[in-house]
C-alpha atoms as a PDB file:
ATOM      1  CA  MET A   1     -14.394 -11.937  -7.545  1.00  0.00           C
ATOM      2  CA  SER A   2     -13.964 -15.498  -6.346  1.00  0.00           C
ATOM      3  CA  ASN A   3     -14.191 -16.369  -2.662  1.00  0.00           C
ATOM      4  CA  SER A   4     -10.388 -16.586  -2.416  1.00  0.00           C
ATOM      5  CA  ALA A   5     -10.084 -13.127  -3.971  1.00  0.00           C
ATOM      6  CA  ASP A   6     -12.708 -11.791  -1.565  1.00  0.00           C
ATOM      7  CA  ASN A   7     -10.787 -13.217   1.391  1.00  0.00           C
ATOM      8  CA  LEU A   8      -7.571 -11.730   0.053  1.00  0.00           C
ATOM      9  CA  ASN A   9      -9.241  -8.358  -0.389  1.00  0.00           C
ATOM     10  CA  SER A  10     -10.521  -8.500   3.202  1.00  0.00           C
ATOM     11  CA  SER A  11      -7.047  -9.332   4.552  1.00  0.00           C
ATOM     12  CA  ILE A  12      -5.469  -6.351   2.808  1.00  0.00           C
ATOM     13  CA  ILE A  13      -8.276  -4.024   3.844  1.00  0.00           C
ATOM     14  CA  ASP A  14      -8.081  -5.187   7.472  1.00  0.00           C
ATOM     15  CA  PHE A  15      -4.364  -4.386   7.488  1.00  0.00           C
ATOM     16  CA  ILE A  16      -4.883  -0.952   5.930  1.00  0.00           C
ATOM     17  CA  ARG A  17      -7.617  -0.142   8.449  1.00  0.00           C
ATOM     18  CA  SER A  18      -5.316  -1.095  11.326  1.00  0.00           C
ATOM     19  CA  ASP A  19      -3.043   1.407  13.066  1.00  0.00           C
ATOM     20  CA  SER A  20      -0.453   1.636  10.285  1.00  0.00           C
ATOM     21  CA  SER A  21       2.119   4.396   9.869  1.00  0.00           C
ATOM     22  CA  SER A  22       1.963   3.964   6.092  1.00  0.00           C
ATOM     23  CA  VAL A  23      -1.724   4.944   5.892  1.00  0.00           C
ATOM     24  CA  LYS A  24      -3.338   8.379   6.243  1.00  0.00           C
ATOM     25  CA  SER A  25      -7.111   8.954   6.183  1.00  0.00           C
ATOM     26  CA  ILE A  26      -8.153  12.095   4.272  1.00  0.00           C
ATOM     27  CA  LYS A  27     -11.551  13.669   3.557  1.00  0.00           C
ATOM     28  CA  PHE A  28     -12.208  15.063   0.075  1.00  0.00           C
ATOM     29  CA  TYR A  29     -15.260  17.077  -0.895  1.00  0.00           C
ATOM     30  CA  LYS A  30     -17.287  16.654  -4.076  1.00  0.00           C
ATOM     31  CA  ASN A  31     -15.317  17.710  -7.192  1.00  0.00           C
ATOM     32  CA  GLU A  32     -12.089  18.062  -5.187  1.00  0.00           C
ATOM     33  CA  TYR A  33      -8.931  16.674  -6.776  1.00  0.00           C
ATOM     34  CA  ILE A  34      -7.364  13.766  -4.916  1.00  0.00           C
ATOM     35  CA  TYR A  35      -4.286  13.944  -7.106  1.00  0.00           C
ATOM     36  CA  ILE A  36      -3.255  15.479 -10.427  1.00  0.00           C
ATOM     37  CA  SER A  37      -0.742  13.919 -12.831  1.00  0.00           C
ATOM     38  CA  GLY A  38      -0.581  10.682 -10.893  1.00  0.00           C
ATOM     39  CA  GLY A  39      -0.338   9.838  -7.216  1.00  0.00           C
ATOM     40  CA  ARG A  40       3.393   9.165  -7.334  1.00  0.00           C
ATOM     41  CA  GLY A  41       4.566   6.952  -4.476  1.00  0.00           C
ATOM     42  CA  ASN A  42       1.032   6.303  -3.190  1.00  0.00           C
ATOM     43  CA  PHE A  43      -2.061   4.255  -3.866  1.00  0.00           C
ATOM     44  CA  TYR A  44      -5.520   4.736  -2.371  1.00  0.00           C
ATOM     45  CA  PHE A  45      -8.452   2.978  -0.717  1.00  0.00           C
ATOM     46  CA  ILE A  46     -12.013   4.366  -0.558  1.00  0.00           C
ATOM     47  CA  GLU A  47     -13.674   4.198   2.859  1.00  0.00           C
ATOM     48  CA  LYS A  48     -16.638   6.288   1.708  1.00  0.00           C
ATOM     49  CA  GLY A  49     -17.775   7.780  -1.593  1.00  0.00           C
ATOM     50  CA  HIS A  50     -17.092   7.451  -5.321  1.00  0.00           C
ATOM     51  CA  VAL A  51     -13.997   8.476  -7.273  1.00  0.00           C
ATOM     52  CA  LYS A  52     -13.385   9.055 -10.973  1.00  0.00           C
ATOM     53  CA  VAL A  53      -9.952   8.579 -12.536  1.00  0.00           C
ATOM     54  CA  SER A  54      -9.221  10.149 -15.919  1.00  0.00           C
ATOM     55  CA  PHE A  55      -6.292  10.423 -18.295  1.00  0.00           C
ATOM     56  CA  GLN A  56      -5.387  13.446 -20.404  1.00  0.00           C
ATOM     57  CA  THR A  57      -3.983  12.823 -23.877  1.00  0.00           C
ATOM     58  CA  GLU A  58      -1.202  14.895 -25.423  1.00  0.00           C
ATOM     59  CA  ASP A  59      -3.750  16.890 -27.454  1.00  0.00           C
ATOM     60  CA  GLY A  60      -5.697  17.788 -24.297  1.00  0.00           C
ATOM     61  CA  ARG A  61      -8.602  15.348 -24.558  1.00  0.00           C
ATOM     62  CA  ILE A  62      -9.890  13.701 -21.370  1.00  0.00           C
ATOM     63  CA  CYS A  63     -10.463   9.946 -21.232  1.00  0.00           C
ATOM     64  CA  ASN A  64     -12.305   8.468 -18.234  1.00  0.00           C
ATOM     65  CA  ILE A  65     -10.514   5.244 -17.319  1.00  0.00           C
ATOM     66  CA  GLY A  66     -11.968   4.224 -13.977  1.00  0.00           C
ATOM     67  CA  PHE A  67     -14.872   4.689 -11.557  1.00  0.00           C
ATOM     68  CA  TYR A  68     -14.415   3.427  -8.027  1.00  0.00           C
ATOM     69  CA  LYS A  69     -16.711   2.844  -5.048  1.00  0.00           C
ATOM     70  CA  GLU A  70     -16.401   2.205  -1.323  1.00  0.00           C
ATOM     71  CA  GLY A  71     -14.071  -0.729  -0.686  1.00  0.00           C
ATOM     72  CA  ASP A  72     -12.075  -0.226  -3.906  1.00  0.00           C
ATOM     73  CA  PHE A  73      -8.396   0.536  -4.352  1.00  0.00           C
ATOM     74  CA  PHE A  74      -7.352   3.027  -7.020  1.00  0.00           C
ATOM     75  CA  GLY A  75      -4.278   4.984  -8.095  1.00  0.00           C
ATOM     76  CA  GLN A  76      -2.096   1.945  -8.732  1.00  0.00           C
ATOM     77  CA  SER A  77      -0.190   4.039 -11.293  1.00  0.00           C
ATOM     78  CA  GLY A  78       1.397   5.721  -8.264  1.00  0.00           C
ATOM     79  CA  LEU A  79       3.413   2.560  -7.677  1.00  0.00           C
ATOM     80  CA  SER A  80       5.526   3.502 -10.698  1.00  0.00           C
ATOM     81  CA  ASP A  81       8.419   5.981 -10.657  1.00  0.00           C
ATOM     82  CA  ILE A  82       6.969   7.513 -13.817  1.00  0.00           C
ATOM     83  CA  VAL A  83       4.702  10.560 -13.486  1.00  0.00           C
ATOM     84  CA  ILE A  84       1.542   9.571 -15.356  1.00  0.00           C
ATOM     85  CA  PRO A  85      -0.944  12.232 -16.627  1.00  0.00           C
ATOM     86  CA  GLU A  86      -3.733  10.702 -14.550  1.00  0.00           C
ATOM     87  CA  THR A  87      -6.157  12.637 -12.363  1.00  0.00           C
ATOM     88  CA  ALA A  88      -8.453  11.418  -9.586  1.00  0.00           C
ATOM     89  CA  ILE A  89     -11.456  13.473  -8.480  1.00  0.00           C
ATOM     90  CA  ALA A  90     -14.128  12.906  -5.837  1.00  0.00           C
ATOM     91  CA  LEU A  91     -17.557  12.460  -7.437  1.00  0.00           C
ATOM     92  CA  VAL A  92     -19.188  12.927  -4.008  1.00  0.00           C
ATOM     93  CA  ASP A  93     -17.827  13.730  -0.545  1.00  0.00           C
ATOM     94  CA  CYS A  94     -15.266  10.997   0.142  1.00  0.00           C
ATOM     95  CA  VAL A  95     -13.094   9.547   2.868  1.00  0.00           C
ATOM     96  CA  VAL A  96      -9.971   8.068   1.303  1.00  0.00           C
ATOM     97  CA  LYS A  97      -6.968   6.293   2.781  1.00  0.00           C
ATOM     98  CA  ARG A  98      -3.706   7.334   1.151  1.00  0.00           C
ATOM     99  CA  ILE A  99      -1.153   4.549   1.385  1.00  0.00           C
ATOM    100  CA  ASN A 100       2.554   5.270   1.019  1.00  0.00           C
ATOM    101  CA  PHE A 101       3.767   2.382  -1.101  1.00  0.00           C
ATOM    102  CA  SER A 102       7.371   2.069   0.123  1.00  0.00           C
ATOM    103  CA  SER A 103       6.335   2.269   3.800  1.00  0.00           C
ATOM    104  CA  PHE A 104       3.519  -0.197   3.187  1.00  0.00           C
ATOM    105  CA  LEU A 105       5.896  -2.704   1.568  1.00  0.00           C
ATOM    106  CA  GLU A 106       8.300  -2.324   4.467  1.00  0.00           C
ATOM    107  CA  GLU A 107       5.522  -3.067   6.949  1.00  0.00           C
ATOM    108  CA  ILE A 108       4.339  -6.221   5.166  1.00  0.00           C
ATOM    109  CA  ARG A 109       7.742  -7.382   3.902  1.00  0.00           C
ATOM    110  CA  ASP A 110       8.012 -10.311   6.315  1.00  0.00           C
ATOM    111  CA  LYS A 111       4.317 -11.160   6.185  1.00  0.00           C
ATOM    112  CA  GLU A 112       2.502 -13.642   3.944  1.00  0.00           C
ATOM    113  CA  LEU A 113       0.320 -10.716   2.941  1.00  0.00           C
ATOM    114  CA  LEU A 114       3.074  -9.399   0.632  1.00  0.00           C
ATOM    115  CA  TYR A 115       2.692 -12.380  -1.707  1.00  0.00           C
ATOM    116  CA  TYR A 116      -1.080 -12.078  -1.739  1.00  0.00           C
ATOM    117  CA  PHE A 117      -0.907  -8.331  -2.257  1.00  0.00           C
ATOM    118  CA  PHE A 118       0.816  -8.762  -5.610  1.00  0.00           C
ATOM    119  CA  ILE A 119      -1.706 -11.403  -6.649  1.00  0.00           C
ATOM    120  CA  TYR A 120      -4.479  -8.982  -5.769  1.00  0.00           C
ATOM    121  CA  MET A 121      -2.868  -6.135  -7.722  1.00  0.00           C
ATOM    122  CA  SER A 122      -2.575  -8.425 -10.747  1.00  0.00           C
ATOM    123  CA  SER A 123      -6.314  -9.105 -10.567  1.00  0.00           C
ATOM    124  CA  GLU A 124      -6.916  -5.353 -10.325  1.00  0.00           C
ATOM    125  CA  ILE A 125      -4.973  -4.797 -13.551  1.00  0.00           C
ATOM    126  CA  ILE A 126      -7.196  -7.348 -15.301  1.00  0.00           C
ATOM    127  CA  GLU A 127     -10.356  -5.631 -14.022  1.00  0.00           C
ATOM    128  CA  HIS A 128      -8.968  -2.271 -15.140  1.00  0.00           C
ATOM    129  CA  GLN A 129      -8.362  -3.633 -18.631  1.00  0.00           C
ATOM    130  CA  LYS A 130     -11.968  -4.861 -18.747  1.00  0.00           C
ATOM    131  CA  THR A 131     -13.219  -1.390 -17.829  1.00  0.00           C
ATOM    132  CA  ILE A 132     -11.155   0.317 -20.517  1.00  0.00           C
ATOM    133  CA  SER A 133     -12.277  -2.260 -23.097  1.00  0.00           C
ATOM    134  CA  SER A 134     -15.921  -1.665 -22.224  1.00  0.00           C
ATOM    135  CA  PHE A 135     -15.553   2.059 -22.758  1.00  0.00           C
ATOM    136  CA  VAL A 136     -13.929   1.527 -26.129  1.00  0.00           C
ATOM    137  CA  LEU A 137     -16.343  -1.122 -27.417  1.00  0.00           C
ATOM    138  CA  LEU A 138     -19.712  -0.135 -25.906  1.00  0.00           C
ATOM    139  CA  ASN A 139     -22.065   2.656 -26.974  1.00  0.00           C
ATOM    140  CA  SER A 140     -22.968   5.412 -24.497  1.00  0.00           C
ATOM    141  CA  GLU A 141     -26.118   3.629 -23.270  1.00  0.00           C
ATOM    142  CA  LYS A 142     -24.205   0.488 -22.376  1.00  0.00           C
ATOM    143  CA  ARG A 143     -21.291   2.494 -20.974  1.00  0.00           C
ATOM    144  CA  LEU A 144     -23.761   4.035 -18.538  1.00  0.00           C
ATOM    145  CA  ALA A 145     -25.181   0.621 -17.593  1.00  0.00           C
ATOM    146  CA  TYR A 146     -21.670  -0.736 -17.088  1.00  0.00           C
ATOM    147  CA  SER A 147     -20.688   2.256 -14.939  1.00  0.00           C
ATOM    148  CA  LEU A 148     -23.752   1.858 -12.703  1.00  0.00           C
ATOM    149  CA  MET A 149     -22.982  -1.853 -12.296  1.00  0.00           C
ATOM    150  CA  ARG A 150     -19.340  -1.072 -11.481  1.00  0.00           C
ATOM    151  CA  MET A 151     -20.271   1.513  -8.848  1.00  0.00           C
ATOM    152  CA  ALA A 152     -22.839  -0.675  -7.091  1.00  0.00           C
ATOM    153  CA  SER A 153     -21.934  -2.363  -3.812  1.00  0.00           C
ATOM    154  CA  GLU A 154     -23.464  -5.548  -2.456  1.00  0.00           C
ATOM    155  CA  ILE A 155     -25.954  -4.966   0.361  1.00  0.00           C
ATOM    156  CA  ARG A 156     -24.982  -7.124   3.291  1.00  0.00           C
ATOM    157  CA  ASN A 157     -27.319 -10.052   4.026  1.00  0.00           C
ATOM    158  CA  ASP A 158     -29.311  -9.444   0.856  1.00  0.00           C
ATOM    159  CA  ASN A 159     -28.910 -10.569  -2.729  1.00  0.00           C
ATOM    160  CA  ILE A 160     -29.103  -7.092  -4.263  1.00  0.00           C
ATOM    161  CA  SER A 161     -26.695  -4.267  -5.039  1.00  0.00           C
ATOM    162  CA  SER A 162     -26.972  -0.542  -4.498  1.00  0.00           C
ATOM    163  CA  ILE A 163     -25.399   2.838  -5.164  1.00  0.00           C
ATOM    164  CA  LYS A 164     -25.677   4.667  -1.855  1.00  0.00           C
ATOM    165  CA  ASN A 165     -24.359   8.112  -2.757  1.00  0.00           C
ATOM    166  CA  LYS A 166     -26.394  10.307  -5.094  1.00  0.00           C
ATOM    167  CA  ILE A 167     -24.672  11.166  -8.372  1.00  0.00           C
ATOM    168  CA  SER A 168     -26.183  13.810 -10.642  1.00  0.00           C
ATOM    169  CA  TYR A 169     -27.128  13.124 -14.236  1.00  0.00           C
ATOM    170  CA  GLN A 170     -24.606  15.788 -15.215  1.00  0.00           C
ATOM    171  CA  ASP A 171     -21.806  13.872 -13.478  1.00  0.00           C
ATOM    172  CA  LEU A 172     -22.990  10.622 -15.069  1.00  0.00           C
ATOM    173  CA  SER A 173     -22.905  12.313 -18.476  1.00  0.00           C
ATOM    174  CA  TYR A 174     -19.278  13.328 -17.920  1.00  0.00           C
ATOM    175  CA  MET A 175     -18.463   9.778 -16.866  1.00  0.00           C
ATOM    176  CA  VAL A 176     -19.762   8.120 -20.020  1.00  0.00           C
ATOM    177  CA  GLY A 177     -19.141  10.863 -22.551  1.00  0.00           C
ATOM    178  CA  THR A 178     -22.666  11.868 -23.532  1.00  0.00           C
ATOM    179  CA  THR A 179     -25.202  14.607 -22.766  1.00  0.00           C
ATOM    180  CA  ARG A 180     -27.256  15.025 -19.601  1.00  0.00           C
ATOM    181  CA  SER A 181     -30.487  14.648 -21.567  1.00  0.00           C
ATOM    182  CA  ARG A 182     -29.313  11.344 -23.042  1.00  0.00           C
ATOM    183  CA  VAL A 183     -28.435  10.100 -19.541  1.00  0.00           C
ATOM    184  CA  GLY A 184     -31.962  10.987 -18.430  1.00  0.00           C
ATOM    185  CA  TYR A 185     -33.408   9.060 -21.362  1.00  0.00           C
ATOM    186  CA  PHE A 186     -31.219   6.026 -20.655  1.00  0.00           C
ATOM    187  CA  MET A 187     -32.015   6.086 -16.922  1.00  0.00           C
ATOM    188  CA  ASN A 188     -35.759   6.139 -17.624  1.00  0.00           C
ATOM    189  CA  PHE A 189     -35.295   3.145 -19.918  1.00  0.00           C
ATOM    190  CA  PHE A 190     -33.280   1.307 -17.244  1.00  0.00           C
ATOM    191  CA  LEU A 191     -36.047   1.991 -14.697  1.00  0.00           C
ATOM    192  CA  ARG A 192     -38.792   0.775 -17.036  1.00  0.00           C
ATOM    193  CA  THR A 193     -36.951  -2.442 -17.856  1.00  0.00           C
ATOM    194  CA  GLY A 194     -35.925  -3.209 -14.273  1.00  0.00           C
ATOM    195  CA  LEU A 195     -32.155  -2.833 -14.669  1.00  0.00           C
ATOM    196  CA  ILE A 196     -32.293  -0.307 -11.824  1.00  0.00           C
ATOM    197  CA  LYS A 197     -34.879   0.645  -9.203  1.00  0.00           C
ATOM    198  CA  GLU A 198     -35.427   3.713  -7.059  1.00  0.00           C
ATOM    199  CA  SER A 199     -35.225   3.373  -3.279  1.00  0.00           C
ATOM    200  CA  LYS A 200     -35.843   5.571  -0.240  1.00  0.00           C
ATOM    201  CA  ASP A 201     -32.723   4.155   1.444  1.00  0.00           C
ATOM    202  CA  TYR A 202     -30.283   4.282  -1.488  1.00  0.00           C
ATOM    203  CA  PHE A 203     -29.683   6.379  -4.571  1.00  0.00           C
ATOM    204  CA  LEU A 204     -30.344   3.332  -6.760  1.00  0.00           C
ATOM    205  CA  ILE A 205     -30.868  -0.411  -6.494  1.00  0.00           C
ATOM    206  CA  VAL A 206     -28.910  -2.096  -9.291  1.00  0.00           C
ATOM    207  CA  ASP A 207     -29.684  -5.505 -10.786  1.00  0.00           C
ATOM    208  CA  LYS A 208     -26.187  -6.562 -11.794  1.00  0.00           C
ATOM    209  CA  LYS A 209     -27.327  -9.815 -13.382  1.00  0.00           C
ATOM    210  CA  ARG A 210     -29.816  -8.080 -15.668  1.00  0.00           C
ATOM    211  CA  ILE A 211     -27.257  -5.438 -16.594  1.00  0.00           C
ATOM    212  CA  GLU A 212     -24.730  -8.143 -17.499  1.00  0.00           C
ATOM    213  CA  GLU A 213     -27.365  -9.705 -19.768  1.00  0.00           C
ATOM    214  CA  PHE A 214     -28.148  -6.285 -21.280  1.00  0.00           C
ATOM    215  CA  LEU A 215     -24.466  -5.666 -22.035  1.00  0.00           C
ATOM    216  CA  THR A 216     -24.243  -8.860 -24.089  1.00  0.00           C
ATOM    217  CA  GLU A 217     -27.322  -8.126 -26.212  1.00  0.00           C
END
């Protein structure tokens, strides 16, 4: 994101973290459903944890369409009146803020934040399209690298990124559509080549720049 987008994101998050009647903080445990068949009338913000969003096709196949970390919004499909066959599940124990869209709009209606909110949501749609494109165009190895990069958060006051919450190889295999053994093979390769590093303080240290270079090879 650009600096202006970062500032916009911070403004929205500050408002959502304030004492707002439109926002409810909820704890979800690992593998618990946050919503099934769309979060109609709501969208969500992650205070803690990681969330997977998937879509079920008419023939019953599951397509993973989004992986979200602390500080991310998700569930924007809930802003539509249409019930969408989309499911959100907690990949680890999570604390999520559920935001009632109509109440939220009423609260910010006379604020400058309303204008910026729609700009922000437009940028989110673009990022979502990039994620879907990557999962269509990339092989499973690069899908895993992309997912790790997407889940990593910047460490404050340091020029590195990390994934704080531990995610099992089995869960990673579900995320990218491959086997657990293949994930293990890919992760060992990523460690050897420096795309990721192990850490006593975090699940993984992620070199986003090197992963971006790897994705374009």
